[in-house]
Protein backbone atom coordinates (compact mmCIF):
# COMPACT_ATOMS: atom_id res chain seq x y z
CA MET A 1 25.96 6.57 3.10
CA LYS A 2 28.32 4.31 4.66
CA PRO A 3 28.34 0.45 3.75
CA LEU A 4 26.68 -1.62 6.59
CA LYS A 5 28.52 -3.84 8.44
CA GLN A 6 28.31 -7.33 7.45
CA LYS A 7 26.99 -8.48 10.64
CA HIS A 8 24.12 -5.80 10.66
CA LYS A 9 23.60 -7.27 7.17
CA THR A 10 23.67 -10.28 7.94
CA ARG A 11 21.04 -9.68 10.67
CA LEU A 12 18.68 -8.10 8.05
CA LEU A 13 18.62 -10.27 5.88
CA HIS A 14 18.05 -13.27 8.14
CA ALA A 15 14.91 -10.83 9.95
CA ILE A 16 13.61 -10.29 5.93
CA THR A 17 13.82 -14.03 5.21
CA ALA A 18 11.85 -14.98 8.37
CA ASP A 19 8.90 -12.08 7.49
CA ILE A 20 9.04 -13.91 3.68
CA GLU A 21 8.42 -17.25 5.40
CA THR A 22 5.44 -16.20 7.70
CA ALA A 23 3.90 -14.27 4.67
CA ALA A 24 4.63 -17.27 2.60
CA SER A 25 3.29 -19.52 5.29
CA LEU A 26 -0.24 -17.38 5.84
CA ALA A 27 -0.70 -17.08 1.37
CA ARG A 28 -0.72 -20.88 1.97
CA THR A 29 -2.45 -21.48 4.65
CA ALA A 30 -5.08 -19.17 2.88
CA ALA A 31 -4.74 -20.97 -0.68
CA ARG A 32 -5.31 -24.61 0.73
CA ALA A 33 -8.57 -23.18 2.18
CA ALA A 34 -9.31 -21.54 -1.01
CA SER A 35 -8.56 -24.48 -2.75
CA HIS A 36 -10.78 -26.74 -0.25
CA HIS A 37 -14.21 -24.68 -0.50
CA ALA A 38 -13.88 -24.31 -4.20
CA ALA A 39 -13.58 -28.36 -4.72
CA ALA A 40 -16.55 -28.11 -2.12
CA GLY A 41 -18.85 -25.75 -4.72
CA ARG A 42 -18.49 -22.86 -1.43
CA PHE A 43 -16.89 -20.22 -4.51
CA ASP A 44 -17.55 -17.36 -1.94
CA LYS A 45 -15.51 -18.66 1.17
CA ALA A 46 -12.84 -19.87 -1.75
CA LEU A 47 -12.41 -16.02 -2.88
CA GLN A 48 -12.61 -14.78 0.76
CA HIS A 49 -9.54 -16.82 1.29
CA ILE A 50 -7.89 -15.89 -1.77
CA LEU A 51 -8.61 -12.24 -0.68
CA GLU A 52 -7.04 -12.82 2.09
CA ALA A 53 -3.83 -14.15 1.08
CA GLU A 54 -2.99 -11.00 -1.40
CA PRO A 55 -2.01 -8.98 1.94
CA ALA A 56 0.94 -11.68 2.96
CA LEU A 57 2.01 -12.21 -0.84
CA TYR A 58 2.31 -8.20 -1.30
CA ASP A 59 4.19 -8.19 1.84
CA ALA A 60 6.63 -11.05 0.62
CA ALA A 61 7.04 -8.79 -2.76
CA LYS A 62 8.06 -5.76 -0.71
CA LEU A 63 10.35 -8.14 1.17
CA VAL A 64 12.09 -9.19 -1.51
CA THR A 65 12.57 -5.73 -3.17
CA LEU A 66 13.91 -4.26 0.58
CA ALA A 67 16.47 -7.74 0.06
CA THR A 68 17.31 -6.33 -3.16
CA TYR A 69 18.17 -2.96 -2.03
CA VAL A 70 20.32 -4.09 1.08
CA ASN A 71 22.04 -6.39 -1.18
CA ARG A 72 22.86 -3.80 -3.57
CA ARG A 73 23.63 -0.79 -1.64
CA ASP A 74 26.57 -2.29 -0.30
CA SER A 75 27.58 -3.89 -3.48
CA GLY A 76 27.57 -0.01 -5.44
CA ASP A 77 24.82 -0.98 -7.67
CA ALA A 78 22.01 0.83 -6.46
């Protein structure tokens, strides 16, 4: 496989970063809601919000893996 052009690598990593920021924002919002409900004693609601954060955190972790792969691919470490 030939190396990515620098401009394509830059665009790809920029898109990955934007998606990670979105996933982190969703997880942060869910965590704040969970904390609010837990403080008010609404534990079922708190758990519901915690579970809503899980897919966003999973997506962010996968995006970090992808970014690492893209970076290593061109440097010969993959």
